[in-house]
N, C-alpha and C. Protein backbone atom coordinates (compact mmCIF):
# COMPACT_ATOMS: atom_id res chain seq x y z
N MET A 1 57.57 0.81 -3.42
CA MET A 1 57.80 0.79 -1.99
C MET A 1 59.31 1.15 -1.75
N VAL A 2 59.46 1.97 -0.88
CA VAL A 2 60.78 2.27 -0.45
C VAL A 2 61.32 1.41 0.75
N LYS A 3 62.48 0.80 0.57
CA LYS A 3 63.05 -0.32 1.49
C LYS A 3 63.88 0.70 2.44
N LYS A 4 63.79 0.29 3.76
CA LYS A 4 64.57 0.88 4.72
C LYS A 4 66.00 0.37 4.65
N LYS A 5 67.07 1.15 4.87
CA LYS A 5 68.50 0.70 4.95
C LYS A 5 68.55 0.04 6.23
N LYS A 6 69.37 -0.99 6.40
CA LYS A 6 69.57 -1.82 7.59
C LYS A 6 70.00 -0.82 8.78
N GLU A 7 70.83 0.17 8.58
CA GLU A 7 71.28 1.11 9.61
C GLU A 7 70.17 1.92 10.08
N ASP A 8 69.04 2.13 9.32
CA ASP A 8 68.06 3.13 9.77
C ASP A 8 66.98 2.37 10.65
N GLU A 9 67.04 1.06 10.65
CA GLU A 9 66.09 0.30 11.44
C GLU A 9 66.53 0.19 13.00
N ILE A 10 65.52 0.16 13.85
CA ILE A 10 65.75 0.12 15.12
C ILE A 10 65.59 -1.25 15.66
N PRO A 11 66.53 -1.84 16.47
CA PRO A 11 66.35 -3.33 16.78
C PRO A 11 65.14 -3.62 17.58
N GLU A 12 64.69 -4.84 17.46
CA GLU A 12 63.55 -5.21 18.00
C GLU A 12 63.37 -5.11 19.51
N TRP A 13 64.69 -5.38 20.23
CA TRP A 13 64.71 -5.27 21.66
C TRP A 13 64.53 -3.84 22.14
N VAL A 14 64.81 -3.00 21.34
CA VAL A 14 64.72 -1.54 21.67
C VAL A 14 63.27 -1.16 21.46
N THR A 15 62.72 -1.49 20.40
CA THR A 15 61.19 -1.18 20.04
C THR A 15 60.35 -1.87 21.23
N ASP A 16 60.75 -3.04 21.60
CA ASP A 16 59.90 -3.85 22.63
C ASP A 16 59.89 -3.01 23.86
N GLU A 17 61.06 -2.67 24.35
CA GLU A 17 61.11 -1.93 25.63
C GLU A 17 60.39 -0.61 25.60
N ILE A 18 60.48 0.02 24.50
CA ILE A 18 59.80 1.43 24.39
C ILE A 18 58.29 1.13 24.35
N GLN A 19 57.76 0.16 23.55
CA GLN A 19 56.33 -0.09 23.47
C GLN A 19 55.73 -0.67 24.78
N ASN A 20 56.49 -1.42 25.54
CA ASN A 20 56.10 -1.97 26.87
C ASN A 20 56.51 -1.35 27.97
N ALA A 21 56.97 -0.12 27.94
CA ALA A 21 57.47 0.69 29.07
C ALA A 21 56.43 0.72 30.27
N LYS A 22 56.90 0.61 31.37
CA LYS A 22 56.04 0.59 32.59
C LYS A 22 56.13 2.04 33.16
N PHE A 23 54.94 2.69 33.24
CA PHE A 23 54.81 3.85 33.88
C PHE A 23 54.71 3.92 35.34
N LYS A 24 55.35 4.84 35.95
CA LYS A 24 55.24 5.04 37.37
C LYS A 24 54.03 5.70 37.66
N LYS A 25 53.76 5.91 38.97
CA LYS A 25 52.59 6.77 39.49
C LYS A 25 52.72 8.14 39.00
N PRO A 26 51.68 8.69 38.51
CA PRO A 26 51.81 10.05 37.76
C PRO A 26 52.04 11.19 38.85
N GLU A 27 52.66 12.29 38.36
CA GLU A 27 52.92 13.41 39.21
C GLU A 27 51.98 14.51 38.60
N GLU A 28 51.31 15.11 39.57
CA GLU A 28 50.42 16.17 39.03
C GLU A 28 51.20 17.51 38.97
N LEU A 29 51.11 18.26 37.86
CA LEU A 29 51.75 19.47 37.69
C LEU A 29 50.80 20.57 37.27
N LYS A 30 51.11 21.77 37.72
CA LYS A 30 50.23 22.89 37.31
C LYS A 30 51.24 23.95 36.66
N LYS A 31 50.98 24.23 35.35
CA LYS A 31 51.76 25.06 34.57
C LYS A 31 50.99 26.04 33.64
N SER A 32 51.42 27.24 33.26
CA SER A 32 50.73 28.04 32.43
C SER A 32 51.35 28.02 31.02
N GLY A 33 50.56 28.37 30.09
CA GLY A 33 51.04 28.30 28.66
C GLY A 33 49.76 28.45 27.81
N TYR A 34 49.93 28.01 26.48
CA TYR A 34 48.98 28.18 25.59
C TYR A 34 48.84 27.13 24.59
N ILE A 35 47.69 26.93 23.91
CA ILE A 35 47.48 25.84 23.00
C ILE A 35 47.95 26.18 21.64
N LEU A 36 48.81 25.24 21.08
CA LEU A 36 49.29 25.34 19.70
C LEU A 36 48.47 24.68 18.63
N GLU A 37 47.98 23.60 19.04
CA GLU A 37 47.27 22.70 17.98
C GLU A 37 46.22 21.77 18.61
N PHE A 38 45.05 21.53 17.92
CA PHE A 38 44.17 20.65 18.19
C PHE A 38 44.16 19.36 17.45
N TYR A 39 44.04 18.17 17.93
CA TYR A 39 44.08 16.94 17.38
C TYR A 39 42.61 16.29 17.74
N TYR A 40 41.55 16.56 17.02
CA TYR A 40 40.24 16.16 17.34
C TYR A 40 39.99 14.75 17.33
N GLU A 41 40.58 13.96 16.32
CA GLU A 41 40.37 12.59 16.08
C GLU A 41 41.03 11.84 17.33
N ASP A 42 42.15 12.24 17.85
CA ASP A 42 42.89 11.64 18.96
C ASP A 42 42.56 12.27 20.30
N ASN A 43 41.68 13.28 20.29
CA ASN A 43 41.46 13.97 21.49
C ASN A 43 42.64 14.37 22.31
N LYS A 44 43.56 15.03 21.65
CA LYS A 44 44.84 15.65 22.17
C LYS A 44 45.08 17.02 21.78
N ILE A 45 45.86 17.67 22.56
CA ILE A 45 46.10 19.17 22.16
C ILE A 45 47.80 19.24 22.26
N ASP A 46 48.38 19.98 21.50
CA ASP A 46 49.76 20.48 21.70
C ASP A 46 49.83 21.74 22.46
N VAL A 47 50.66 21.87 23.50
CA VAL A 47 50.59 23.00 24.51
C VAL A 47 52.09 23.41 24.58
N GLN A 48 52.25 24.85 24.43
CA GLN A 48 53.54 25.45 24.80
C GLN A 48 53.40 25.98 26.17
N LEU A 49 54.33 25.44 27.05
CA LEU A 49 54.28 25.70 28.44
C LEU A 49 55.43 26.71 28.68
N TYR A 50 55.22 27.81 29.54
CA TYR A 50 56.24 28.80 29.75
C TYR A 50 57.35 28.11 30.62
N ASP A 51 56.98 27.26 31.52
CA ASP A 51 58.05 26.57 32.33
C ASP A 51 58.15 25.10 31.79
N ALA A 52 59.42 24.63 31.49
CA ALA A 52 59.66 23.33 30.99
C ALA A 52 59.14 22.21 31.94
N VAL A 53 58.86 21.03 31.34
CA VAL A 53 58.62 19.85 32.13
C VAL A 53 59.97 19.23 32.43
N GLU A 54 59.91 18.11 33.10
CA GLU A 54 61.15 17.43 33.72
C GLU A 54 62.26 17.18 32.71
N ASP A 55 61.85 16.70 31.44
CA ASP A 55 62.94 16.50 30.45
C ASP A 55 63.43 17.77 29.59
N GLY A 56 62.96 18.96 30.14
CA GLY A 56 63.43 20.17 29.45
C GLY A 56 62.45 20.70 28.30
N ARG A 57 61.43 19.92 28.00
CA ARG A 57 60.53 20.35 26.79
C ARG A 57 59.67 21.53 27.27
N HIS A 58 59.33 22.31 26.36
CA HIS A 58 58.35 23.35 26.66
C HIS A 58 57.06 23.07 25.85
N ILE A 59 57.14 22.25 24.70
CA ILE A 59 56.03 21.83 23.97
C ILE A 59 55.73 20.38 24.29
N VAL A 60 54.44 20.10 24.74
CA VAL A 60 54.02 18.85 24.97
C VAL A 60 52.80 18.41 24.40
N THR A 61 52.44 17.15 23.98
CA THR A 61 51.09 16.77 23.62
C THR A 61 50.47 16.19 24.79
N MET A 62 49.13 16.65 25.03
CA MET A 62 48.41 16.21 26.16
C MET A 62 47.16 15.44 25.80
N ASP A 63 46.81 14.34 26.38
CA ASP A 63 45.54 13.60 26.23
C ASP A 63 44.48 14.57 26.89
N VAL A 64 43.33 14.70 26.18
CA VAL A 64 42.39 15.62 26.77
C VAL A 64 41.20 14.71 27.25
N PRO A 65 40.66 14.69 28.51
CA PRO A 65 39.53 14.07 28.91
C PRO A 65 38.30 14.31 28.24
N LYS A 66 37.47 13.32 28.16
CA LYS A 66 36.10 13.54 27.44
C LYS A 66 35.29 14.70 28.17
N SER A 67 35.60 15.00 29.30
CA SER A 67 34.88 16.07 30.08
C SER A 67 35.10 17.46 29.48
N VAL A 68 36.26 17.60 28.81
CA VAL A 68 36.76 18.74 28.17
C VAL A 68 36.33 18.83 26.75
N LYS A 69 35.61 19.69 26.38
CA LYS A 69 35.34 19.86 24.83
C LYS A 69 36.46 20.65 24.17
N ILE A 70 37.08 20.06 23.21
CA ILE A 70 38.07 20.84 22.56
C ILE A 70 37.60 21.94 21.81
N ASP A 71 36.40 21.87 21.17
CA ASP A 71 35.78 22.95 20.48
C ASP A 71 35.56 24.33 21.34
N ASP A 72 35.58 24.15 22.72
CA ASP A 72 35.48 25.27 23.57
C ASP A 72 36.76 25.84 23.87
N LEU A 73 37.94 25.33 23.46
CA LEU A 73 39.25 25.90 23.82
C LEU A 73 39.68 26.80 22.83
N LEU A 74 40.49 27.75 23.16
CA LEU A 74 40.96 28.87 22.21
C LEU A 74 42.61 28.59 21.99
N LYS A 75 42.98 28.77 20.84
CA LYS A 75 44.52 28.80 20.57
C LYS A 75 45.05 30.04 20.86
N GLY A 76 46.26 30.06 21.40
CA GLY A 76 47.03 31.26 21.59
C GLY A 76 46.58 32.04 22.85
N GLU A 77 45.56 31.55 23.64
CA GLU A 77 45.21 32.29 24.92
C GLU A 77 45.91 31.64 25.94
N VAL A 78 46.19 32.38 27.08
CA VAL A 78 46.98 31.83 28.20
C VAL A 78 45.99 31.02 29.22
N TYR A 79 46.43 29.72 29.28
CA TYR A 79 45.64 28.92 30.29
C TYR A 79 46.54 28.49 31.42
N GLU A 80 45.96 28.15 32.51
CA GLU A 80 46.64 27.42 33.52
C GLU A 80 46.22 25.88 33.36
N PHE A 81 47.22 25.02 33.15
CA PHE A 81 46.97 23.62 32.91
C PHE A 81 47.25 22.85 34.15
N VAL A 82 46.35 22.01 34.58
CA VAL A 82 46.60 20.98 35.53
C VAL A 82 46.62 19.81 34.93
N PHE A 83 47.75 18.87 34.96
CA PHE A 83 47.78 17.82 34.28
C PHE A 83 48.80 16.81 34.98
N ASP A 84 48.58 15.35 34.66
CA ASP A 84 49.28 14.31 35.24
C ASP A 84 50.52 14.08 34.16
N GLN A 85 51.81 14.07 34.74
CA GLN A 85 52.82 13.64 33.89
C GLN A 85 53.19 12.15 34.38
N HIS A 86 53.07 11.28 33.32
CA HIS A 86 53.46 9.92 33.49
C HIS A 86 54.82 9.66 33.02
N LYS A 87 55.63 8.99 33.76
CA LYS A 87 57.11 8.82 33.33
C LYS A 87 57.35 7.24 33.31
N ALA A 88 57.92 6.68 32.26
CA ALA A 88 58.44 5.37 32.16
C ALA A 88 59.97 5.39 31.93
N PRO A 89 60.82 5.06 32.94
CA PRO A 89 62.18 5.05 32.64
C PRO A 89 62.65 3.97 31.69
N LEU A 90 63.68 4.28 30.88
CA LEU A 90 64.17 3.24 29.95
C LEU A 90 65.54 2.80 30.67
N SER A 91 65.80 1.50 30.17
CA SER A 91 67.02 0.92 30.64
C SER A 91 68.27 1.62 30.11
N LYS A 92 69.30 1.51 30.92
CA LYS A 92 70.48 2.03 30.56
C LYS A 92 71.06 1.56 29.07
N LYS A 93 70.78 0.33 28.81
CA LYS A 93 71.22 -0.26 27.52
C LYS A 93 70.39 0.50 26.36
N VAL A 94 69.18 0.62 26.59
CA VAL A 94 68.28 1.27 25.53
C VAL A 94 68.65 2.79 25.41
N SER A 95 68.90 3.49 26.58
CA SER A 95 69.35 4.91 26.45
C SER A 95 70.61 5.12 25.72
N GLU A 96 71.60 4.25 26.03
CA GLU A 96 72.85 4.30 25.47
C GLU A 96 72.79 4.03 23.91
N TYR A 97 72.07 2.93 23.62
CA TYR A 97 71.88 2.71 22.18
C TYR A 97 71.28 3.87 21.45
N LEU A 98 70.23 4.50 21.93
CA LEU A 98 69.54 5.60 21.29
C LEU A 98 70.60 6.78 21.06
N GLU A 99 71.36 7.02 22.15
CA GLU A 99 72.36 8.12 22.09
C GLU A 99 73.46 7.78 21.08
N LYS A 100 73.97 6.57 21.23
CA LYS A 100 75.08 6.36 20.18
C LYS A 100 74.72 6.16 18.77
N GLU A 101 73.63 5.43 18.61
CA GLU A 101 73.26 5.01 17.20
C GLU A 101 72.33 5.95 16.49
N LYS A 102 71.52 6.66 17.35
CA LYS A 102 70.48 7.51 16.75
C LYS A 102 70.57 9.04 17.01
N GLU A 103 71.51 9.23 17.90
CA GLU A 103 71.82 10.53 18.46
C GLU A 103 70.47 11.21 19.10
N ILE A 104 69.79 10.44 19.85
CA ILE A 104 68.65 10.73 20.62
C ILE A 104 68.92 10.57 22.11
N ASP A 105 68.98 11.75 22.80
CA ASP A 105 69.17 11.85 24.21
C ASP A 105 67.82 11.50 24.93
N MET A 106 67.61 10.34 25.43
CA MET A 106 66.36 9.92 26.01
C MET A 106 66.54 8.83 26.99
N ASN A 107 65.98 9.05 28.24
CA ASN A 107 66.23 8.09 29.20
C ASN A 107 64.87 7.66 29.81
N ALA A 108 63.70 8.31 29.39
CA ALA A 108 62.47 7.97 29.71
C ALA A 108 61.47 8.34 28.67
N ILE A 109 60.27 7.77 28.81
CA ILE A 109 59.13 8.00 27.97
C ILE A 109 58.12 8.85 28.87
N TYR A 110 57.58 9.97 28.29
CA TYR A 110 56.56 10.63 29.10
C TYR A 110 55.22 10.67 28.46
N GLN A 111 54.18 10.76 29.09
CA GLN A 111 52.81 10.93 28.62
C GLN A 111 52.27 12.02 29.52
N PHE A 112 51.49 12.94 28.92
CA PHE A 112 50.81 13.95 29.69
C PHE A 112 49.29 13.90 29.56
N GLU A 113 48.59 14.06 30.69
CA GLU A 113 47.06 13.82 30.71
C GLU A 113 46.49 15.01 31.39
N LEU A 114 45.82 15.82 30.51
CA LEU A 114 45.03 16.95 31.09
C LEU A 114 44.04 16.49 32.07
N LYS A 115 44.03 17.37 33.13
CA LYS A 115 42.96 16.95 34.24
C LYS A 115 42.01 18.25 34.17
N SER A 116 42.47 19.44 34.10
CA SER A 116 41.75 20.68 34.11
C SER A 116 42.43 21.81 33.48
N LEU A 117 41.77 22.90 33.17
CA LEU A 117 42.44 24.11 32.73
C LEU A 117 41.60 25.22 32.91
N GLU A 118 42.23 26.39 33.11
CA GLU A 118 41.44 27.62 33.41
C GLU A 118 42.16 28.71 32.41
N LEU A 119 41.24 29.38 31.73
CA LEU A 119 41.61 30.47 30.89
C LEU A 119 41.99 31.68 31.82
N LEU A 120 43.21 32.24 31.62
CA LEU A 120 43.67 33.26 32.40
C LEU A 120 43.39 34.53 31.83
N ASP A 121 42.97 35.58 32.53
CA ASP A 121 42.62 36.82 32.08
C ASP A 121 44.04 37.75 32.06
N VAL A 122 44.88 37.50 31.22
CA VAL A 122 46.22 38.19 31.18
C VAL A 122 46.11 39.55 30.90
N GLY A 123 45.43 39.92 29.76
CA GLY A 123 45.44 41.28 29.11
C GLY A 123 44.73 42.27 30.01
N SER A 124 43.77 42.03 30.68
CA SER A 124 42.88 42.87 31.42
C SER A 124 43.56 43.71 32.47
N ASN A 125 44.50 43.24 33.08
CA ASN A 125 45.25 43.81 34.16
C ASN A 125 46.08 45.07 33.52
N GLU A 126 46.74 44.69 32.40
CA GLU A 126 47.50 45.76 31.76
C GLU A 126 46.55 46.85 31.21
N ALA A 127 45.48 46.65 30.77
CA ALA A 127 44.54 47.71 30.39
C ALA A 127 44.18 48.58 31.59
N ALA A 128 43.77 48.02 32.64
CA ALA A 128 43.47 48.59 33.80
C ALA A 128 44.58 49.55 34.31
N ASP A 129 45.76 49.04 34.29
CA ASP A 129 46.78 50.00 34.74
C ASP A 129 47.01 51.15 33.89
N ASP A 130 46.83 50.96 32.54
CA ASP A 130 47.03 52.12 31.69
C ASP A 130 45.97 53.29 31.84
N ASP A 131 44.74 52.77 32.33
CA ASP A 131 43.72 53.69 32.59
C ASP A 131 44.04 54.54 33.85
N GLU A 132 44.57 53.93 34.84
CA GLU A 132 45.02 54.65 36.03
C GLU A 132 46.03 55.62 35.80
N GLU A 133 46.95 55.51 34.92
CA GLU A 133 48.05 56.35 34.68
C GLU A 133 47.58 57.69 34.15
N GLU A 134 46.40 57.76 33.37
CA GLU A 134 45.97 58.83 32.66
C GLU A 134 45.41 59.76 33.56
């Protein structure tokens, strides 16, 4: 068994705050992008969004509702995703600790919950335009 070095450990007060973070009322977002990965056991997907979410990320993991069958989804195809962004702000003390000690710039925890998605027909317009030019 590998023992962690003392400086690698995160203090209990930091992990307590992160694990017990209180999420605010969710904000509904609508963004387009594509699916990178499926996590069947957890009912989650990794999504690459064209426009970043609030904290600057373009890749997020979304919880998928039971009403959406992951088997029906396609990797690499462009979708419009409608999802809730849940945000739980972290205290200044925890944010400063993470930045100074772990070089992690984080002032909130985010969760993303897919509400619906629609496959966008991106390629067909280009094909139609090419036909008109001939």
